[in-house]
N, C-alpha and C. Protein backbone atom coordinates (compact mmCIF):
# COMPACT_ATOMS: atom_id res chain seq x y z
N MET A 1 25.71 -71.08 -32.20
CA MET A 1 24.47 -70.34 -32.75
C MET A 1 24.51 -68.92 -32.23
N ASP A 2 24.28 -67.91 -33.11
CA ASP A 2 24.07 -66.66 -32.65
C ASP A 2 22.83 -66.44 -31.85
N GLY A 3 23.00 -65.77 -30.87
CA GLY A 3 21.94 -65.25 -29.99
C GLY A 3 21.05 -64.19 -30.56
N ASP A 4 19.89 -64.35 -30.58
CA ASP A 4 18.82 -63.64 -31.25
C ASP A 4 18.72 -62.49 -30.35
N ILE A 5 17.97 -61.36 -30.80
CA ILE A 5 17.67 -60.20 -29.90
C ILE A 5 16.31 -60.43 -29.23
N LEU A 6 16.31 -61.17 -28.20
CA LEU A 6 14.94 -61.35 -27.52
C LEU A 6 14.85 -60.19 -26.42
N VAL A 7 14.06 -59.10 -26.77
CA VAL A 7 13.91 -58.12 -25.80
C VAL A 7 12.51 -58.01 -25.44
N ASP A 8 11.65 -59.05 -25.53
CA ASP A 8 10.29 -59.00 -25.46
C ASP A 8 10.02 -58.50 -23.84
N MET A 9 9.21 -57.53 -23.43
CA MET A 9 8.86 -57.21 -22.39
C MET A 9 7.69 -58.04 -21.71
N ALA A 10 8.05 -59.43 -21.52
CA ALA A 10 7.04 -60.28 -21.24
C ALA A 10 6.54 -60.06 -19.84
N THR A 11 5.44 -60.49 -19.40
CA THR A 11 4.86 -60.38 -18.13
C THR A 11 5.39 -61.40 -17.29
N PRO A 12 6.13 -61.34 -16.24
CA PRO A 12 6.58 -62.32 -15.47
C PRO A 12 5.41 -63.02 -14.78
N THR A 13 5.87 -64.37 -14.44
CA THR A 13 4.81 -65.19 -13.75
C THR A 13 5.27 -65.24 -12.17
N THR A 14 6.43 -64.76 -11.96
CA THR A 14 6.94 -64.68 -10.60
C THR A 14 8.00 -63.77 -10.33
N GLU A 15 8.36 -63.25 -9.19
CA GLU A 15 9.36 -62.40 -8.91
C GLU A 15 10.31 -63.05 -7.91
N LEU A 16 11.71 -62.84 -8.13
CA LEU A 16 12.55 -63.48 -7.42
C LEU A 16 13.30 -62.27 -6.58
N PRO A 17 13.65 -62.45 -5.41
CA PRO A 17 14.44 -61.15 -4.65
C PRO A 17 15.78 -61.22 -5.20
N PRO A 18 16.43 -60.03 -5.21
CA PRO A 18 18.05 -59.92 -5.45
C PRO A 18 18.69 -61.04 -5.12
N ARG A 19 19.77 -61.32 -5.96
CA ARG A 19 20.60 -62.40 -5.55
C ARG A 19 20.07 -63.88 -5.19
N THR A 20 18.88 -64.16 -5.79
CA THR A 20 18.25 -65.36 -5.61
C THR A 20 17.86 -66.14 -6.77
N GLY A 21 18.22 -67.37 -6.63
CA GLY A 21 17.50 -68.26 -7.92
C GLY A 21 16.73 -69.21 -7.53
N ASP A 22 16.13 -69.85 -8.34
CA ASP A 22 15.09 -70.91 -8.12
C ASP A 22 15.95 -72.37 -8.12
N PRO A 23 15.81 -73.03 -6.90
CA PRO A 23 16.67 -74.13 -6.85
C PRO A 23 16.32 -75.29 -7.93
N ALA A 24 15.08 -75.35 -8.28
CA ALA A 24 14.58 -76.40 -9.46
C ALA A 24 15.05 -75.86 -10.87
N ARG A 25 15.79 -74.55 -10.97
CA ARG A 25 16.05 -74.14 -12.41
C ARG A 25 17.36 -73.67 -12.06
N PRO A 26 18.42 -74.55 -12.46
CA PRO A 26 19.82 -74.16 -12.48
C PRO A 26 20.30 -73.00 -13.09
N PHE A 27 19.81 -72.63 -14.20
CA PHE A 27 20.06 -71.51 -15.01
C PHE A 27 19.82 -70.26 -14.52
N THR A 28 18.96 -70.25 -13.34
CA THR A 28 18.67 -69.01 -12.60
C THR A 28 19.89 -68.67 -11.51
N GLU A 29 20.78 -69.51 -11.32
CA GLU A 29 21.74 -69.36 -10.20
C GLU A 29 22.42 -67.77 -10.41
N PRO A 30 22.30 -66.89 -9.49
CA PRO A 30 22.96 -65.68 -9.55
C PRO A 30 24.42 -65.56 -9.97
N SER A 31 25.15 -66.51 -9.77
CA SER A 31 26.56 -66.46 -10.20
C SER A 31 26.68 -66.62 -11.85
N LEU A 32 25.75 -67.20 -12.23
CA LEU A 32 25.76 -67.37 -13.82
C LEU A 32 25.38 -65.86 -14.50
N SER A 33 24.51 -65.15 -13.77
CA SER A 33 24.14 -63.85 -14.18
C SER A 33 25.46 -62.79 -13.97
N ASP A 34 26.08 -63.26 -12.92
CA ASP A 34 27.37 -62.37 -12.54
C ASP A 34 28.40 -62.62 -13.75
N ALA A 35 28.46 -64.01 -14.19
CA ALA A 35 29.37 -64.14 -15.41
C ALA A 35 28.97 -63.51 -16.60
N ASP A 36 27.58 -63.64 -16.88
CA ASP A 36 27.09 -62.91 -18.05
C ASP A 36 27.38 -61.50 -18.02
N VAL A 37 27.19 -60.58 -16.87
CA VAL A 37 27.54 -59.30 -16.86
C VAL A 37 29.01 -58.98 -17.07
N GLU A 38 29.98 -59.93 -16.67
CA GLU A 38 31.22 -59.81 -16.98
C GLU A 38 31.55 -59.88 -18.35
N ILE A 39 30.89 -60.89 -19.17
CA ILE A 39 30.84 -61.00 -20.61
C ILE A 39 30.41 -59.65 -21.35
N LEU A 40 29.27 -59.21 -20.74
CA LEU A 40 28.70 -57.74 -21.26
C LEU A 40 29.80 -56.69 -21.18
N ALA A 41 30.44 -56.77 -20.17
CA ALA A 41 31.51 -55.58 -19.97
C ALA A 41 32.79 -55.90 -20.93
N ARG A 42 32.90 -57.13 -21.27
CA ARG A 42 33.88 -57.38 -22.33
C ARG A 42 33.61 -56.88 -23.64
N LEU A 43 32.16 -57.04 -23.88
CA LEU A 43 31.74 -56.79 -25.31
C LEU A 43 31.64 -55.16 -25.29
N HIS A 44 31.25 -54.60 -24.02
CA HIS A 44 31.32 -53.24 -24.16
C HIS A 44 32.70 -52.40 -24.22
N ALA A 45 33.64 -53.06 -23.74
CA ALA A 45 35.00 -52.53 -23.96
C ALA A 45 35.35 -52.88 -25.28
N GLY A 46 35.06 -53.99 -25.90
CA GLY A 46 35.35 -54.21 -27.36
C GLY A 46 34.67 -53.16 -28.16
N LEU A 47 33.50 -52.81 -27.88
CA LEU A 47 32.88 -51.83 -28.77
C LEU A 47 33.43 -50.46 -28.50
N ALA A 48 33.97 -50.07 -27.47
CA ALA A 48 34.73 -48.75 -27.24
C ALA A 48 36.04 -48.79 -28.11
N ALA A 49 36.61 -49.95 -28.14
CA ALA A 49 37.88 -50.15 -28.95
C ALA A 49 37.75 -50.06 -30.21
N HIS A 50 36.70 -50.58 -30.93
CA HIS A 50 36.29 -50.42 -32.26
C HIS A 50 35.94 -48.95 -32.61
N ALA A 51 35.32 -48.16 -31.73
CA ALA A 51 34.86 -46.74 -32.01
C ALA A 51 36.22 -46.06 -31.91
N ALA A 52 37.07 -46.22 -31.06
CA ALA A 52 38.26 -45.52 -31.00
C ALA A 52 39.13 -45.71 -32.25
N ASP A 53 39.01 -46.95 -32.88
CA ASP A 53 40.01 -47.26 -33.88
C ASP A 53 39.16 -46.91 -35.13
N GLY A 54 38.33 -45.92 -35.15
CA GLY A 54 37.80 -45.37 -36.42
C GLY A 54 36.44 -45.97 -36.75
N GLY A 55 35.86 -47.10 -36.00
CA GLY A 55 34.56 -47.33 -36.34
C GLY A 55 34.44 -48.60 -37.31
N SER A 56 35.23 -49.68 -37.00
CA SER A 56 34.91 -50.88 -37.96
C SER A 56 34.02 -51.56 -37.44
N ALA A 57 33.25 -52.61 -38.30
CA ALA A 57 32.14 -53.29 -38.16
C ALA A 57 32.18 -54.49 -39.14
N GLY A 58 31.48 -55.46 -38.88
CA GLY A 58 31.34 -56.65 -39.72
C GLY A 58 31.35 -57.94 -39.09
N ARG A 59 31.81 -58.84 -39.65
CA ARG A 59 32.24 -60.27 -39.13
C ARG A 59 33.64 -60.55 -39.35
N TRP A 60 34.19 -61.17 -38.11
CA TRP A 60 35.65 -61.39 -38.24
C TRP A 60 36.06 -62.54 -37.21
N THR A 61 37.20 -63.05 -37.30
CA THR A 61 37.62 -64.05 -36.40
C THR A 61 38.96 -63.38 -35.76
N ASP A 62 38.93 -63.39 -34.48
CA ASP A 62 40.33 -62.69 -34.01
C ASP A 62 41.45 -63.96 -33.74
N ALA A 63 42.54 -63.43 -33.14
CA ALA A 63 43.72 -64.37 -33.10
C ALA A 63 43.52 -65.55 -32.16
N ALA A 64 42.58 -65.42 -31.19
CA ALA A 64 42.36 -66.33 -30.43
C ALA A 64 41.22 -67.28 -30.76
N GLY A 65 40.61 -67.04 -31.93
CA GLY A 65 39.61 -67.91 -32.52
C GLY A 65 38.10 -67.54 -32.24
N ALA A 66 38.06 -66.46 -31.59
CA ALA A 66 36.55 -65.82 -31.31
C ALA A 66 36.09 -65.24 -32.59
N ILE A 67 34.74 -65.61 -32.79
CA ILE A 67 33.95 -65.03 -33.88
C ILE A 67 33.31 -63.86 -33.59
N HIS A 68 33.50 -62.70 -34.31
CA HIS A 68 32.68 -61.52 -33.90
C HIS A 68 31.58 -61.18 -34.96
N TRP A 69 30.53 -60.46 -34.50
CA TRP A 69 29.46 -59.92 -35.42
C TRP A 69 29.10 -58.65 -34.83
N LEU A 70 29.64 -57.54 -35.19
CA LEU A 70 29.30 -56.34 -34.81
C LEU A 70 28.61 -55.37 -35.98
N VAL A 71 27.43 -54.89 -35.53
CA VAL A 71 26.63 -53.98 -36.57
C VAL A 71 26.41 -52.66 -35.78
N VAL A 72 26.98 -51.58 -36.36
CA VAL A 72 26.59 -50.22 -35.88
C VAL A 72 25.90 -49.35 -36.98
N PRO A 73 24.80 -49.12 -36.86
CA PRO A 73 24.18 -48.34 -37.96
C PRO A 73 24.78 -46.77 -38.22
N ASP A 74 25.14 -46.29 -37.15
CA ASP A 74 25.49 -44.78 -37.10
C ASP A 74 26.58 -44.55 -35.83
N TRP A 75 27.75 -44.63 -36.18
CA TRP A 75 28.90 -44.54 -35.12
C TRP A 75 28.70 -43.01 -34.45
N GLU A 76 28.44 -42.14 -35.08
CA GLU A 76 28.23 -40.74 -34.43
C GLU A 76 27.09 -40.91 -33.38
N ALA A 77 25.94 -41.46 -33.77
CA ALA A 77 24.72 -41.79 -32.80
C ALA A 77 25.36 -42.46 -31.55
N LEU A 78 26.00 -43.42 -31.93
CA LEU A 78 26.61 -44.20 -30.70
C LEU A 78 27.38 -43.39 -29.89
N ARG A 79 28.46 -42.82 -30.53
CA ARG A 79 29.35 -41.94 -29.69
C ARG A 79 28.55 -40.70 -28.89
N GLY A 80 27.50 -40.20 -29.56
CA GLY A 80 26.83 -39.10 -28.87
C GLY A 80 25.76 -39.37 -27.97
N THR A 81 25.51 -40.48 -27.59
CA THR A 81 24.32 -40.99 -26.80
C THR A 81 24.82 -41.44 -25.50
N ALA A 82 24.67 -40.54 -24.46
CA ALA A 82 24.94 -41.04 -23.00
C ALA A 82 23.97 -40.18 -22.11
N PRO A 83 23.41 -40.96 -21.28
CA PRO A 83 23.50 -42.52 -20.91
C PRO A 83 22.72 -43.06 -22.00
N ALA A 84 22.88 -44.56 -22.06
CA ALA A 84 22.15 -45.45 -22.90
C ALA A 84 21.86 -46.55 -22.10
N VAL A 85 20.97 -47.45 -22.74
CA VAL A 85 20.56 -48.76 -22.26
C VAL A 85 20.93 -49.99 -22.97
N GLY A 86 20.88 -51.07 -22.52
CA GLY A 86 21.18 -52.34 -23.28
C GLY A 86 20.36 -53.52 -22.80
N VAL A 87 20.56 -54.37 -23.62
CA VAL A 87 20.12 -55.82 -23.31
C VAL A 87 21.12 -56.79 -23.55
N GLY A 88 21.35 -57.68 -22.83
CA GLY A 88 22.21 -58.94 -22.82
C GLY A 88 21.44 -60.20 -22.86
N PHE A 89 21.67 -61.05 -23.96
CA PHE A 89 21.02 -62.19 -24.11
C PHE A 89 22.01 -63.43 -23.88
N PHE A 90 21.42 -64.48 -23.17
CA PHE A 90 22.41 -65.68 -22.85
C PHE A 90 21.31 -66.79 -22.82
N GLY A 91 21.28 -67.70 -23.84
CA GLY A 91 20.38 -68.64 -24.14
C GLY A 91 21.09 -70.09 -24.01
N GLN A 92 20.16 -70.85 -23.30
CA GLN A 92 20.70 -72.25 -23.09
C GLN A 92 20.05 -73.17 -24.26
N ALA A 93 20.83 -73.40 -25.36
CA ALA A 93 20.11 -73.83 -26.73
C ALA A 93 19.87 -75.20 -26.63
N LEU A 94 18.78 -75.40 -27.44
CA LEU A 94 18.28 -76.98 -27.54
C LEU A 94 19.10 -77.50 -28.78
N ASP A 95 19.53 -78.90 -28.77
CA ASP A 95 20.07 -79.58 -29.77
C ASP A 95 19.01 -79.58 -30.95
N VAL A 96 18.88 -78.61 -31.70
CA VAL A 96 18.06 -78.74 -32.89
C VAL A 96 18.66 -77.79 -33.87
N ASP A 97 18.02 -77.79 -35.06
CA ASP A 97 18.40 -77.10 -36.25
C ASP A 97 18.09 -75.59 -36.01
N HIS A 98 19.02 -74.80 -35.75
CA HIS A 98 18.83 -73.30 -35.40
C HIS A 98 18.86 -72.36 -36.71
N GLU A 99 18.88 -73.01 -37.98
CA GLU A 99 18.93 -72.16 -39.01
C GLU A 99 17.83 -71.12 -39.30
N PRO A 100 16.58 -71.69 -38.94
CA PRO A 100 15.42 -70.83 -39.10
C PRO A 100 15.42 -69.65 -38.40
N ILE A 101 16.01 -69.78 -37.10
CA ILE A 101 16.07 -68.35 -36.36
C ILE A 101 17.15 -67.63 -36.84
N ASN A 102 18.26 -68.28 -37.02
CA ASN A 102 19.46 -67.46 -37.66
C ASN A 102 19.22 -66.75 -38.65
N VAL A 103 18.37 -67.18 -39.69
CA VAL A 103 17.89 -66.41 -40.90
C VAL A 103 17.13 -65.28 -40.40
N VAL A 104 16.25 -65.29 -39.55
CA VAL A 104 15.39 -64.19 -39.07
C VAL A 104 16.40 -63.03 -38.53
N GLU A 105 17.31 -63.60 -37.69
CA GLU A 105 18.28 -62.64 -37.17
C GLU A 105 19.21 -61.93 -38.04
N THR A 106 19.57 -62.66 -39.10
CA THR A 106 20.41 -62.15 -40.16
C THR A 106 19.64 -61.05 -40.82
N GLU A 107 18.46 -61.30 -41.20
CA GLU A 107 17.71 -60.32 -41.94
C GLU A 107 17.59 -59.03 -41.10
N MET A 108 17.38 -59.23 -40.01
CA MET A 108 17.22 -58.05 -39.00
C MET A 108 18.57 -57.27 -39.02
N MET A 109 19.63 -57.98 -38.71
CA MET A 109 20.83 -57.14 -38.81
C MET A 109 21.27 -56.62 -40.12
N GLU A 110 20.78 -57.04 -41.11
CA GLU A 110 21.20 -56.55 -42.50
C GLU A 110 20.15 -55.25 -42.62
N ARG A 111 19.22 -55.03 -41.72
CA ARG A 111 18.44 -53.73 -41.99
C ARG A 111 18.41 -53.16 -40.77
N LEU A 112 19.32 -53.18 -39.75
CA LEU A 112 19.42 -52.68 -38.54
C LEU A 112 19.17 -51.01 -38.46
N GLU A 113 19.40 -50.50 -39.51
CA GLU A 113 19.24 -49.02 -39.55
C GLU A 113 17.65 -48.51 -39.49
N ARG A 114 16.82 -49.52 -39.74
CA ARG A 114 15.54 -49.19 -39.80
C ARG A 114 14.74 -49.43 -38.37
N TYR A 115 15.66 -49.50 -37.58
CA TYR A 115 15.01 -49.59 -35.98
C TYR A 115 15.50 -48.33 -35.29
N PRO A 116 14.75 -47.34 -35.26
CA PRO A 116 15.15 -45.93 -34.52
C PRO A 116 15.52 -46.43 -33.03
N GLY A 117 16.71 -45.73 -32.87
CA GLY A 117 17.36 -45.85 -31.36
C GLY A 117 17.94 -46.92 -31.07
N LEU A 118 18.17 -47.93 -32.11
CA LEU A 118 19.05 -49.09 -31.79
C LEU A 118 20.47 -48.76 -32.28
N LEU A 119 21.32 -48.67 -31.35
CA LEU A 119 22.66 -48.11 -31.68
C LEU A 119 23.77 -49.08 -31.95
N ALA A 120 23.78 -50.42 -31.62
CA ALA A 120 24.68 -51.19 -31.90
C ALA A 120 24.41 -52.74 -31.44
N TYR A 121 24.73 -53.64 -32.06
CA TYR A 121 24.51 -55.06 -31.89
C TYR A 121 25.84 -55.76 -32.00
N TYR A 122 26.29 -56.32 -30.78
CA TYR A 122 27.69 -56.87 -30.87
C TYR A 122 27.48 -58.49 -30.20
N ASN A 123 27.82 -59.33 -31.10
CA ASN A 123 27.61 -60.77 -30.70
C ASN A 123 29.03 -61.35 -30.93
N VAL A 124 29.50 -62.32 -29.80
CA VAL A 124 30.77 -62.93 -29.87
C VAL A 124 30.57 -64.36 -29.55
N GLU A 125 31.26 -65.21 -30.36
CA GLU A 125 31.39 -66.69 -29.91
C GLU A 125 32.82 -67.00 -29.51
N TRP A 126 32.83 -67.69 -28.48
CA TRP A 126 34.29 -67.81 -27.83
C TRP A 126 34.34 -69.42 -27.82
N PRO A 127 35.00 -70.04 -28.70
CA PRO A 127 35.18 -71.48 -28.66
C PRO A 127 35.81 -72.01 -27.37
N GLN A 128 35.36 -73.18 -26.85
CA GLN A 128 35.74 -73.68 -25.44
C GLN A 128 36.64 -74.82 -25.84
N PRO A 129 37.47 -75.26 -24.87
CA PRO A 129 38.46 -76.40 -25.00
C PRO A 129 37.57 -77.70 -25.20
N ASP A 130 36.44 -77.73 -24.64
CA ASP A 130 35.57 -78.98 -24.78
C ASP A 130 34.99 -79.17 -26.10
N GLY A 131 35.09 -78.19 -27.03
CA GLY A 131 34.62 -78.27 -28.27
C GLY A 131 33.20 -77.49 -28.33
N THR A 132 32.70 -76.97 -27.37
CA THR A 132 31.39 -76.12 -27.16
C THR A 132 31.94 -74.68 -27.56
N SER A 133 30.98 -73.97 -27.37
CA SER A 133 31.15 -72.52 -27.53
C SER A 133 30.47 -71.63 -26.47
N GLN A 134 30.93 -70.44 -25.90
CA GLN A 134 30.36 -69.70 -25.04
C GLN A 134 30.04 -68.24 -25.95
N TRP A 135 28.71 -67.87 -25.71
CA TRP A 135 28.26 -66.75 -26.51
C TRP A 135 28.05 -65.54 -25.57
N GLY A 136 28.32 -64.27 -26.18
CA GLY A 136 27.84 -63.10 -25.58
C GLY A 136 27.13 -62.21 -26.60
N ASN A 137 26.07 -61.67 -26.27
CA ASN A 137 25.27 -60.65 -26.89
C ASN A 137 24.86 -59.43 -26.31
N LEU A 138 25.25 -58.31 -26.89
CA LEU A 138 25.01 -57.05 -26.41
C LEU A 138 24.32 -56.14 -27.34
N VAL A 139 23.21 -55.49 -27.08
CA VAL A 139 22.43 -54.59 -27.91
C VAL A 139 22.28 -53.42 -27.18
N VAL A 140 22.76 -52.31 -27.90
CA VAL A 140 22.81 -50.92 -27.05
C VAL A 140 21.65 -50.19 -27.78
N PHE A 141 20.67 -49.51 -26.93
CA PHE A 141 19.63 -48.64 -27.39
C PHE A 141 19.71 -47.23 -26.85
N ARG A 142 19.26 -46.34 -27.36
CA ARG A 142 18.99 -45.06 -27.04
C ARG A 142 18.42 -44.87 -25.57
N ASP A 143 17.45 -45.53 -25.61
CA ASP A 143 16.51 -45.45 -24.39
C ASP A 143 15.46 -46.78 -24.35
N ARG A 144 14.73 -46.67 -23.29
CA ARG A 144 13.65 -47.81 -23.16
C ARG A 144 12.80 -47.73 -24.20
N THR A 145 12.40 -46.42 -24.58
CA THR A 145 11.32 -46.53 -25.82
C THR A 145 11.71 -47.03 -26.98
N ALA A 146 13.15 -47.14 -27.37
CA ALA A 146 13.47 -47.77 -28.49
C ALA A 146 13.34 -49.18 -28.46
N ILE A 147 13.53 -49.79 -27.23
CA ILE A 147 13.33 -51.17 -26.84
C ILE A 147 12.02 -51.57 -27.17
N ASP A 148 11.20 -50.75 -26.51
CA ASP A 148 9.70 -50.98 -26.75
C ASP A 148 9.31 -50.99 -28.21
N ARG A 149 9.70 -50.19 -29.04
CA ARG A 149 9.45 -50.08 -30.30
C ARG A 149 9.79 -51.44 -31.22
N LEU A 150 11.04 -51.99 -30.76
CA LEU A 150 11.42 -53.24 -31.47
C LEU A 150 10.61 -54.32 -31.03
N ASN A 151 9.99 -54.36 -29.86
CA ASN A 151 9.11 -55.43 -29.50
C ASN A 151 8.05 -55.57 -30.40
N HIS A 152 7.52 -54.60 -31.14
CA HIS A 152 6.43 -54.42 -31.89
C HIS A 152 6.65 -54.84 -33.45
N GLU A 153 7.98 -54.91 -33.76
CA GLU A 153 8.45 -55.09 -35.03
C GLU A 153 8.30 -56.58 -35.60
N ALA A 154 7.84 -56.73 -36.76
CA ALA A 154 7.29 -57.98 -37.18
C ALA A 154 8.41 -59.03 -37.05
N LEU A 155 9.64 -59.00 -37.65
CA LEU A 155 10.65 -59.79 -37.59
C LEU A 155 11.18 -60.19 -36.27
N HIS A 156 11.27 -59.25 -35.41
CA HIS A 156 11.55 -59.41 -33.97
C HIS A 156 10.59 -60.47 -33.40
N ARG A 157 9.34 -60.05 -33.65
CA ARG A 157 8.16 -61.01 -33.03
C ARG A 157 8.36 -62.27 -33.38
N THR A 158 8.88 -62.52 -34.63
CA THR A 158 9.03 -63.87 -35.26
C THR A 158 10.17 -64.73 -34.39
N ALA A 159 11.19 -64.01 -34.13
CA ALA A 159 12.27 -64.37 -33.42
C ALA A 159 11.75 -64.75 -31.96
N VAL A 160 10.98 -63.96 -31.36
CA VAL A 160 10.55 -64.16 -29.98
C VAL A 160 9.52 -65.47 -30.21
N ASP A 161 8.77 -65.56 -30.94
CA ASP A 161 7.78 -66.67 -31.03
C ASP A 161 8.45 -67.97 -31.27
N ARG A 162 9.67 -68.00 -32.00
CA ARG A 162 10.48 -69.07 -32.21
C ARG A 162 11.16 -69.66 -31.06
N SER A 163 11.48 -68.84 -30.25
CA SER A 163 12.45 -69.02 -29.12
C SER A 163 12.32 -70.33 -28.28
N PRO A 164 10.98 -70.62 -28.06
CA PRO A 164 10.81 -71.95 -27.35
C PRO A 164 11.22 -73.12 -28.05
N LEU A 165 11.43 -73.06 -29.46
CA LEU A 165 11.82 -74.10 -30.39
C LEU A 165 13.17 -74.28 -30.29
N HIS A 166 13.92 -73.25 -29.65
CA HIS A 166 15.51 -73.18 -29.92
C HIS A 166 16.12 -73.25 -28.57
N TYR A 167 15.27 -72.79 -27.55
CA TYR A 167 16.01 -72.75 -26.20
C TYR A 167 15.20 -73.48 -25.24
N ASP A 168 16.14 -74.11 -24.27
CA ASP A 168 15.67 -74.73 -23.02
C ASP A 168 15.21 -73.62 -22.15
N SER A 169 15.97 -72.54 -21.87
CA SER A 169 15.74 -71.68 -21.12
C SER A 169 16.77 -70.39 -21.50
N LEU A 170 16.69 -69.24 -20.78
CA LEU A 170 17.39 -68.18 -21.23
C LEU A 170 17.40 -67.10 -20.13
N ARG A 171 18.53 -66.36 -20.11
CA ARG A 171 18.71 -65.13 -19.30
C ARG A 171 18.64 -63.87 -20.13
N LEU A 172 17.83 -62.93 -19.91
CA LEU A 172 17.65 -61.69 -20.37
C LEU A 172 18.11 -60.58 -19.49
N HIS A 173 19.14 -59.82 -19.60
CA HIS A 173 19.60 -58.79 -18.67
C HIS A 173 19.38 -57.36 -19.47
N ARG A 174 18.72 -56.64 -18.49
CA ARG A 174 18.43 -55.26 -18.94
C ARG A 174 19.70 -54.42 -18.07
N ILE A 175 20.17 -53.65 -18.95
CA ILE A 175 21.23 -52.97 -18.34
C ILE A 175 21.38 -51.41 -18.51
N VAL A 176 22.17 -50.65 -17.68
CA VAL A 176 22.24 -49.40 -18.05
C VAL A 176 23.78 -49.03 -18.28
N LEU A 177 23.90 -47.99 -19.18
CA LEU A 177 25.41 -47.67 -19.66
C LEU A 177 25.35 -46.05 -19.34
N PRO A 178 25.81 -45.82 -18.04
CA PRO A 178 25.80 -44.45 -17.68
C PRO A 178 26.44 -43.47 -18.58
N GLU A 179 27.69 -43.91 -19.12
CA GLU A 179 28.30 -43.06 -20.09
C GLU A 179 28.26 -43.45 -21.45
N GLY A 180 27.26 -44.21 -21.63
CA GLY A 180 26.97 -44.46 -23.13
C GLY A 180 27.64 -45.89 -23.61
N GLY A 181 27.35 -46.22 -24.81
CA GLY A 181 27.70 -47.42 -25.47
C GLY A 181 29.37 -47.64 -25.42
N ILE A 182 30.00 -46.52 -25.53
CA ILE A 182 31.46 -46.61 -25.61
C ILE A 182 32.16 -45.82 -24.33
N GLY A 183 31.48 -45.46 -23.57
CA GLY A 183 32.11 -44.62 -22.32
C GLY A 183 32.76 -45.75 -21.47
N PRO A 184 33.48 -45.19 -20.63
CA PRO A 184 34.54 -45.92 -19.80
C PRO A 184 33.97 -46.62 -18.63
N THR A 185 32.61 -46.35 -18.16
CA THR A 185 31.78 -47.00 -17.15
C THR A 185 31.34 -48.33 -17.67
N PRO A 186 31.58 -49.28 -17.16
CA PRO A 186 30.99 -50.70 -17.68
C PRO A 186 29.48 -50.67 -17.45
N PRO A 187 28.75 -51.69 -17.90
CA PRO A 187 27.49 -51.91 -17.92
C PRO A 187 27.08 -52.15 -16.43
N GLN A 188 25.96 -51.58 -16.12
CA GLN A 188 25.45 -51.89 -14.68
C GLN A 188 24.09 -52.69 -14.79
N LEU A 189 23.95 -53.72 -14.14
CA LEU A 189 22.76 -54.43 -14.23
C LEU A 189 21.61 -53.74 -13.70
N ASP A 190 20.53 -53.84 -14.28
CA ASP A 190 19.31 -53.14 -13.73
C ASP A 190 18.36 -54.22 -13.24
N GLU A 191 18.03 -55.19 -14.27
CA GLU A 191 17.26 -56.41 -13.83
C GLU A 191 17.26 -57.56 -14.75
N SER A 192 16.96 -58.61 -14.47
CA SER A 192 16.86 -59.67 -15.38
C SER A 192 15.61 -60.45 -15.52
N LEU A 193 15.25 -60.91 -16.72
CA LEU A 193 14.20 -61.69 -17.06
C LEU A 193 14.70 -63.28 -17.26
N LEU A 194 14.09 -64.17 -16.50
CA LEU A 194 14.54 -65.40 -16.61
C LEU A 194 13.32 -66.39 -17.27
N PHE A 195 13.52 -67.11 -18.20
CA PHE A 195 12.62 -67.74 -19.08
C PHE A 195 13.02 -69.28 -18.98
N ASP A 196 11.98 -70.09 -18.52
CA ASP A 196 11.94 -71.38 -18.57
C ASP A 196 11.06 -72.06 -19.56
N PHE A 197 11.41 -72.44 -20.69
CA PHE A 197 10.48 -72.84 -21.90
C PHE A 197 10.02 -74.38 -21.63
N ARG A 198 10.40 -74.98 -20.54
CA ARG A 198 10.21 -76.27 -20.30
C ARG A 198 8.71 -76.32 -19.70
N THR A 199 8.22 -75.35 -19.25
CA THR A 199 6.92 -75.34 -18.62
C THR A 199 5.70 -74.77 -19.60
N ASP A 200 4.48 -75.09 -19.40
CA ASP A 200 3.64 -74.49 -20.08
C ASP A 200 2.45 -74.28 -19.14
N PRO A 201 2.19 -72.91 -19.11
CA PRO A 201 2.67 -71.74 -19.72
C PRO A 201 4.28 -71.67 -19.48
N THR A 202 4.98 -70.64 -20.20
CA THR A 202 6.36 -70.46 -19.97
C THR A 202 6.54 -69.81 -18.66
N TRP A 203 7.37 -70.22 -17.77
CA TRP A 203 7.82 -69.75 -16.39
C TRP A 203 8.72 -68.60 -16.72
N ILE A 204 8.23 -67.31 -16.27
CA ILE A 204 9.03 -66.06 -16.49
C ILE A 204 9.38 -65.41 -15.27
N ALA A 205 10.56 -65.29 -14.80
CA ALA A 205 10.65 -64.55 -13.33
C ALA A 205 11.42 -63.27 -13.83
N LEU A 206 11.24 -62.26 -12.93
CA LEU A 206 11.65 -60.94 -12.85
C LEU A 206 12.67 -60.97 -11.50
N ARG A 207 13.86 -60.58 -11.96
CA ARG A 207 14.78 -60.61 -10.79
C ARG A 207 15.58 -59.12 -10.74
N PRO A 208 15.38 -58.24 -9.82
CA PRO A 208 15.99 -56.98 -9.69
C PRO A 208 17.56 -57.19 -9.41
N ALA A 209 18.41 -56.31 -9.80
CA ALA A 209 19.78 -56.34 -9.36
C ALA A 209 20.00 -56.26 -8.00
């Protein structure tokens, strides 16, 4: 399932020190976030490669079987923005029908140009030997103001509201791109929001890098 762009600036219910997880919530293990950031670095490098190759986008499957979905409303804006910021989404999906949230995401991606300051969306599914898939999702923004604007957009709010129906938990990483979305410096983790939808109300932790 494609990871949706959950960039909601939710109010944390707890704060975790850097490099600390909650033993009762395995998805908060710091090593998992390290692996997430490595995936974001792969996506960032892939975005730079596509920019250098003339700016291709769309959906495709590569030779290794990975399924890519790249949307860039304005390649020149992406090339010309440095520094930039980003969001990385890594959800632990429930075994449910994910078509409703996929429909919302697809509609958003088809009209990405209507979101000022949203520079790129890049999603990759890597099939695993056990038949499952590993997902990586990177969204690049001009600045934090652009992220805040998206938080109030109706379709995005729909995706946010549906998230507990589709995910057991998720990690949302806020990153900095010192040389922009296609610069040589890889993403730098700023902080992570960790969501546990199994509790009521939702447990939300903020963890600085």
